[in-house]
Amino acid sequence: MADVYERIKELNIQLPSPPAAGGIYTPVLDFSETLLYCSGCGPGDASLLGKVGQDITLEEAQKAAQKCILNLLANLEAKIKDLNKIKRFVKILAFVASDDTFTQQPQVVNGGSQLLVDIFGDTIGKPARSAIGVNVLPGNIPVEIELLVELKKGTEKETIG
């Protein structure tokens, strides 16, 4: 895999600043030598609010999922200082605020999953995944995503402690 930051530049992507915590929690928590749990992030975009299938379209929800992933990457970078330290994304857990008749939650989350694959490739960027429909999310956001990440051995002690 080439340098992650070169790939981000090729894709014309800019990581946002890490989002402010929306409560009393740690945005990224190391819980073993190489594993990190990333607390759920929303899209941070006031133009993307409401339930999918009622207030926003599938395509808009996919953009929201991409923005969630970018916010998670920003939090990860703040914690580990270099996204090239990531060995693989282990698991995505995604919540999609959905109209009662909307059943395409996996397609919504594909927006975020595809971004990880585009940046990191299949081996690193394609984790196990769950996409769950829910009635409502904090602040009326349409999507919230959390991650489990594994770091390369030998890099974890540099910045996590």
C-alpha atoms as a PDB file:
ATOM      1  CA  MET A   1       0.000   0.000   0.000  1.00  0.00           C
ATOM      2  CA  ALA A   2       1.295   3.420  -0.944  1.00  0.00           C
ATOM      3  CA  ASP A   3       1.414   6.284   1.501  1.00  0.00           C
ATOM      4  CA  VAL A   4      -2.098   6.961   2.800  1.00  0.00           C
ATOM      5  CA  TYR A   5      -1.630  10.722   2.542  1.00  0.00           C
ATOM      6  CA  GLU A   6      -0.581  10.478  -1.115  1.00  0.00           C
ATOM      7  CA  ARG A   7      -3.730   8.477  -1.799  1.00  0.00           C
ATOM      8  CA  ILE A   8      -5.888  11.018   0.044  1.00  0.00           C
ATOM      9  CA  LYS A   9      -4.341  13.778  -2.062  1.00  0.00           C
ATOM     10  CA  GLU A  10      -4.927  11.792  -5.300  1.00  0.00           C
ATOM     11  CA  LEU A  11      -8.593  11.439  -4.344  1.00  0.00           C
ATOM     12  CA  ASN A  12      -8.774  15.188  -3.680  1.00  0.00           C
ATOM     13  CA  ILE A  13      -9.886  14.575  -0.114  1.00  0.00           C
ATOM     14  CA  GLN A  14      -9.134  16.826   2.804  1.00  0.00           C
ATOM     15  CA  LEU A  15      -9.447  15.500   6.330  1.00  0.00           C
ATOM     16  CA  PRO A  16     -11.512  17.744   8.592  1.00  0.00           C
ATOM     17  CA  SER A  17     -10.408  18.866  12.013  1.00  0.00           C
ATOM     18  CA  PRO A  18     -11.324  16.278  14.631  1.00  0.00           C
ATOM     19  CA  PRO A  19     -14.919  16.877  15.696  1.00  0.00           C
ATOM     20  CA  ALA A  20     -15.610  18.026  19.220  1.00  0.00           C
ATOM     21  CA  ALA A  21     -16.896  15.303  21.512  1.00  0.00           C
ATOM     22  CA  GLY A  22     -20.659  15.416  21.873  1.00  0.00           C
ATOM     23  CA  GLY A  23     -20.621  14.158  25.439  1.00  0.00           C
ATOM     24  CA  ILE A  24     -18.432  12.706  28.135  1.00  0.00           C
ATOM     25  CA  TYR A  25     -16.352  10.104  26.284  1.00  0.00           C
ATOM     26  CA  THR A  26     -13.020   9.464  24.601  1.00  0.00           C
ATOM     27  CA  PRO A  27     -13.075   9.766  20.796  1.00  0.00           C
ATOM     28  CA  VAL A  28     -10.411   7.044  20.333  1.00  0.00           C
ATOM     29  CA  LEU A  29      -9.463   4.575  23.040  1.00  0.00           C
ATOM     30  CA  ASP A  30      -6.629   2.044  22.853  1.00  0.00           C
ATOM     31  CA  PHE A  31      -7.598  -1.190  24.580  1.00  0.00           C
ATOM     32  CA  SER A  32      -4.726  -3.505  23.731  1.00  0.00           C
ATOM     33  CA  GLU A  33      -1.253  -3.179  22.262  1.00  0.00           C
ATOM     34  CA  THR A  34      -2.603  -2.694  18.753  1.00  0.00           C
ATOM     35  CA  LEU A  35      -6.384  -2.233  18.909  1.00  0.00           C
ATOM     36  CA  LEU A  36      -8.299   1.042  18.959  1.00  0.00           C
ATOM     37  CA  TYR A  37     -11.986   1.659  19.490  1.00  0.00           C
ATOM     38  CA  CYS A  38     -13.281   4.788  17.745  1.00  0.00           C
ATOM     39  CA  SER A  39     -16.418   6.255  19.287  1.00  0.00           C
ATOM     40  CA  GLY A  40     -19.306   6.917  16.952  1.00  0.00           C
ATOM     41  CA  CYS A  41     -19.112   9.966  14.703  1.00  0.00           C
ATOM     42  CA  GLY A  42     -21.823  11.674  12.734  1.00  0.00           C
ATOM     43  CA  PRO A  43     -21.356  13.573   9.490  1.00  0.00           C
ATOM     44  CA  GLY A  44     -21.029  17.012  11.105  1.00  0.00           C
ATOM     45  CA  ASP A  45     -23.003  18.589   8.262  1.00  0.00           C
ATOM     46  CA  ALA A  46     -26.097  20.622   9.122  1.00  0.00           C
ATOM     47  CA  SER A  47     -27.402  20.173   5.567  1.00  0.00           C
ATOM     48  CA  LEU A  48     -27.643  16.408   6.148  1.00  0.00           C
ATOM     49  CA  LEU A  49     -30.247  15.934   8.846  1.00  0.00           C
ATOM     50  CA  GLY A  50     -33.271  13.718   9.264  1.00  0.00           C
ATOM     51  CA  LYS A  51     -34.374  10.196   8.510  1.00  0.00           C
ATOM     52  CA  VAL A  52     -33.227   8.369   5.423  1.00  0.00           C
ATOM     53  CA  GLY A  53     -36.145   7.598   3.154  1.00  0.00           C
ATOM     54  CA  GLN A  54     -38.170  10.471   4.579  1.00  0.00           C
ATOM     55  CA  ASP A  55     -36.038  13.623   4.856  1.00  0.00           C
ATOM     56  CA  ILE A  56     -32.944  12.672   2.878  1.00  0.00           C
ATOM     57  CA  THR A  57     -32.274  10.341  -0.044  1.00  0.00           C
ATOM     58  CA  LEU A  58     -30.110   7.242  -0.200  1.00  0.00           C
ATOM     59  CA  GLU A  59     -27.455   9.220  -2.102  1.00  0.00           C
ATOM     60  CA  GLU A  60     -27.435  12.013   0.505  1.00  0.00           C
ATOM     61  CA  ALA A  61     -27.174   9.404   3.260  1.00  0.00           C
ATOM     62  CA  GLN A  62     -24.194   7.814   1.478  1.00  0.00           C
ATOM     63  CA  LYS A  63     -22.492  11.241   1.489  1.00  0.00           C
ATOM     64  CA  ALA A  64     -23.284  11.486   5.210  1.00  0.00           C
ATOM     65  CA  ALA A  65     -21.625   8.080   5.744  1.00  0.00           C
ATOM     66  CA  GLN A  66     -18.526   9.318   3.888  1.00  0.00           C
ATOM     67  CA  LYS A  67     -18.383  12.368   6.136  1.00  0.00           C
ATOM     68  CA  CYS A  68     -18.678  10.115   9.198  1.00  0.00           C
ATOM     69  CA  ILE A  69     -15.645   8.153   7.992  1.00  0.00           C
ATOM     70  CA  LEU A  70     -13.673  11.362   7.388  1.00  0.00           C
ATOM     71  CA  ASN A  71     -14.462  12.501  10.938  1.00  0.00           C
ATOM     72  CA  LEU A  72     -13.356   9.120  12.281  1.00  0.00           C
ATOM     73  CA  LEU A  73     -10.107   9.348  10.304  1.00  0.00           C
ATOM     74  CA  ALA A  74      -9.528  12.831  11.724  1.00  0.00           C
ATOM     75  CA  ASN A  75      -9.969  11.455  15.260  1.00  0.00           C
ATOM     76  CA  LEU A  76      -7.636   8.560  14.484  1.00  0.00           C
ATOM     77  CA  GLU A  77      -4.986  10.877  13.084  1.00  0.00           C
ATOM     78  CA  ALA A  78      -5.217  13.059  16.193  1.00  0.00           C
ATOM     79  CA  LYS A  79      -4.602   9.971  18.346  1.00  0.00           C
ATOM     80  CA  ILE A  80      -1.907   8.095  16.380  1.00  0.00           C
ATOM     81  CA  LYS A  81      -0.413  11.031  14.386  1.00  0.00           C
ATOM     82  CA  ASP A  82       0.045   8.969  11.173  1.00  0.00           C
ATOM     83  CA  LEU A  83      -2.682   6.993   9.390  1.00  0.00           C
ATOM     84  CA  ASN A  84       0.020   4.843   7.776  1.00  0.00           C
ATOM     85  CA  LYS A  85       0.272   3.060  11.153  1.00  0.00           C
ATOM     86  CA  ILE A  86      -3.085   1.378  10.473  1.00  0.00           C
ATOM     87  CA  LYS A  87      -2.738  -2.331   9.743  1.00  0.00           C
ATOM     88  CA  ARG A  88      -6.441  -2.794   9.036  1.00  0.00           C
ATOM     89  CA  PHE A  89      -9.916  -1.678   9.858  1.00  0.00           C
ATOM     90  CA  VAL A  90     -11.426  -4.540  11.842  1.00  0.00           C
ATOM     91  CA  LYS A  91     -15.104  -3.595  12.175  1.00  0.00           C
ATOM     92  CA  ILE A  92     -17.592  -0.908  11.236  1.00  0.00           C
ATOM     93  CA  LEU A  93     -20.768  -0.547  13.246  1.00  0.00           C
ATOM     94  CA  ALA A  94     -23.159   1.884  11.596  1.00  0.00           C
ATOM     95  CA  PHE A  95     -26.510   3.233  12.682  1.00  0.00           C
ATOM     96  CA  VAL A  96     -28.867   4.705  10.096  1.00  0.00           C
ATOM     97  CA  ALA A  97     -31.851   6.803  11.203  1.00  0.00           C
ATOM     98  CA  SER A  98     -34.483   5.398   8.881  1.00  0.00           C
ATOM     99  CA  ASP A  99     -38.066   5.872   7.881  1.00  0.00           C
ATOM    100  CA  ASP A 100     -40.102   2.792   8.845  1.00  0.00           C
ATOM    101  CA  THR A 101     -40.221   1.631   5.220  1.00  0.00           C
ATOM    102  CA  PHE A 102     -36.532   2.213   4.406  1.00  0.00           C
ATOM    103  CA  THR A 103     -34.562  -1.045   4.281  1.00  0.00           C
ATOM    104  CA  GLN A 104     -31.342  -0.117   2.465  1.00  0.00           C
ATOM    105  CA  GLN A 105     -29.137   0.558   5.485  1.00  0.00           C
ATOM    106  CA  PRO A 106     -26.239  -1.498   4.026  1.00  0.00           C
ATOM    107  CA  GLN A 107     -26.293   0.633   0.861  1.00  0.00           C
ATOM    108  CA  VAL A 108     -26.121   3.794   2.985  1.00  0.00           C
ATOM    109  CA  VAL A 109     -23.057   2.516   4.800  1.00  0.00           C
ATOM    110  CA  ASN A 110     -21.472   1.494   1.482  1.00  0.00           C
ATOM    111  CA  GLY A 111     -20.734   5.212   1.025  1.00  0.00           C
ATOM    112  CA  GLY A 112     -18.372   5.139   3.994  1.00  0.00           C
ATOM    113  CA  SER A 113     -17.043   1.646   3.341  1.00  0.00           C
ATOM    114  CA  GLN A 114     -16.165   2.534  -0.249  1.00  0.00           C
ATOM    115  CA  LEU A 115     -14.222   5.562   0.949  1.00  0.00           C
ATOM    116  CA  LEU A 116     -12.095   3.377   3.243  1.00  0.00           C
ATOM    117  CA  VAL A 117     -11.410   0.958   0.368  1.00  0.00           C
ATOM    118  CA  ASP A 118     -10.589   3.854  -1.976  1.00  0.00           C
ATOM    119  CA  ILE A 119      -8.071   5.263   0.503  1.00  0.00           C
ATOM    120  CA  PHE A 120      -6.582   2.124   2.071  1.00  0.00           C
ATOM    121  CA  GLY A 121      -7.338  -0.660  -0.440  1.00  0.00           C
ATOM    122  CA  ASP A 122      -9.262  -3.905   0.120  1.00  0.00           C
ATOM    123  CA  THR A 123      -6.835  -5.578   2.508  1.00  0.00           C
ATOM    124  CA  ILE A 124      -6.672  -2.707   4.994  1.00  0.00           C
ATOM    125  CA  GLY A 125      -9.896  -0.834   4.269  1.00  0.00           C
ATOM    126  CA  LYS A 126     -12.556  -3.567   4.038  1.00  0.00           C
ATOM    127  CA  PRO A 127     -13.548  -4.661   7.557  1.00  0.00           C
ATOM    128  CA  ALA A 128     -16.380  -6.733   8.939  1.00  0.00           C
ATOM    129  CA  ARG A 129     -19.491  -4.588   9.185  1.00  0.00           C
ATOM    130  CA  SER A 130     -22.981  -4.161  10.593  1.00  0.00           C
ATOM    131  CA  ALA A 131     -25.532  -1.617   9.364  1.00  0.00           C
ATOM    132  CA  ILE A 132     -28.481  -1.114  11.666  1.00  0.00           C
ATOM    133  CA  GLY A 133     -31.639   0.928  11.139  1.00  0.00           C
ATOM    134  CA  VAL A 134     -32.700   3.037  14.116  1.00  0.00           C
ATOM    135  CA  ASN A 135     -35.563   5.398  14.857  1.00  0.00           C
ATOM    136  CA  VAL A 136     -33.517   8.496  15.676  1.00  0.00           C
ATOM    137  CA  LEU A 137     -29.907   9.561  16.256  1.00  0.00           C
ATOM    138  CA  PRO A 138     -28.462  12.434  18.324  1.00  0.00           C
ATOM    139  CA  GLY A 139     -29.030  15.879  16.809  1.00  0.00           C
ATOM    140  CA  ASN A 140     -31.241  14.346  14.116  1.00  0.00           C
ATOM    141  CA  ILE A 141     -28.189  13.103  12.173  1.00  0.00           C
ATOM    142  CA  PRO A 142     -28.956  10.414   9.588  1.00  0.00           C
ATOM    143  CA  VAL A 143     -25.868   8.223  10.161  1.00  0.00           C
ATOM    144  CA  GLU A 144     -23.462   7.467  12.993  1.00  0.00           C
ATOM    145  CA  ILE A 145     -20.478   5.163  12.514  1.00  0.00           C
ATOM    146  CA  GLU A 146     -17.977   3.666  14.930  1.00  0.00           C
ATOM    147  CA  LEU A 147     -14.817   1.679  14.128  1.00  0.00           C
ATOM    148  CA  LEU A 148     -12.433  -0.893  15.507  1.00  0.00           C
ATOM    149  CA  VAL A 149      -8.913  -0.472  14.117  1.00  0.00           C
ATOM    150  CA  GLU A 150      -5.758  -2.563  14.341  1.00  0.00           C
ATOM    151  CA  LEU A 151      -2.361  -0.858  14.229  1.00  0.00           C
ATOM    152  CA  LYS A 152       0.825  -2.319  12.807  1.00  0.00           C
ATOM    153  CA  LYS A 153       2.985  -3.928  15.485  1.00  0.00           C
ATOM    154  CA  GLY A 154       5.885  -1.804  16.598  1.00  0.00           C
ATOM    155  CA  THR A 155       4.134   1.521  15.976  1.00  0.00           C
ATOM    156  CA  GLU A 156       1.601   1.526  18.769  1.00  0.00           C
ATOM    157  CA  LYS A 157       3.843   2.606  21.651  1.00  0.00           C
ATOM    158  CA  GLU A 158       5.007   5.785  19.924  1.00  0.00           C
ATOM    159  CA  THR A 159       1.843   7.798  20.486  1.00  0.00           C
ATOM    160  CA  ILE A 160      -0.588   5.743  22.538  1.00  0.00           C
ATOM    161  CA  GLY A 161      -0.137   5.539  26.239  1.00  0.00           C
END
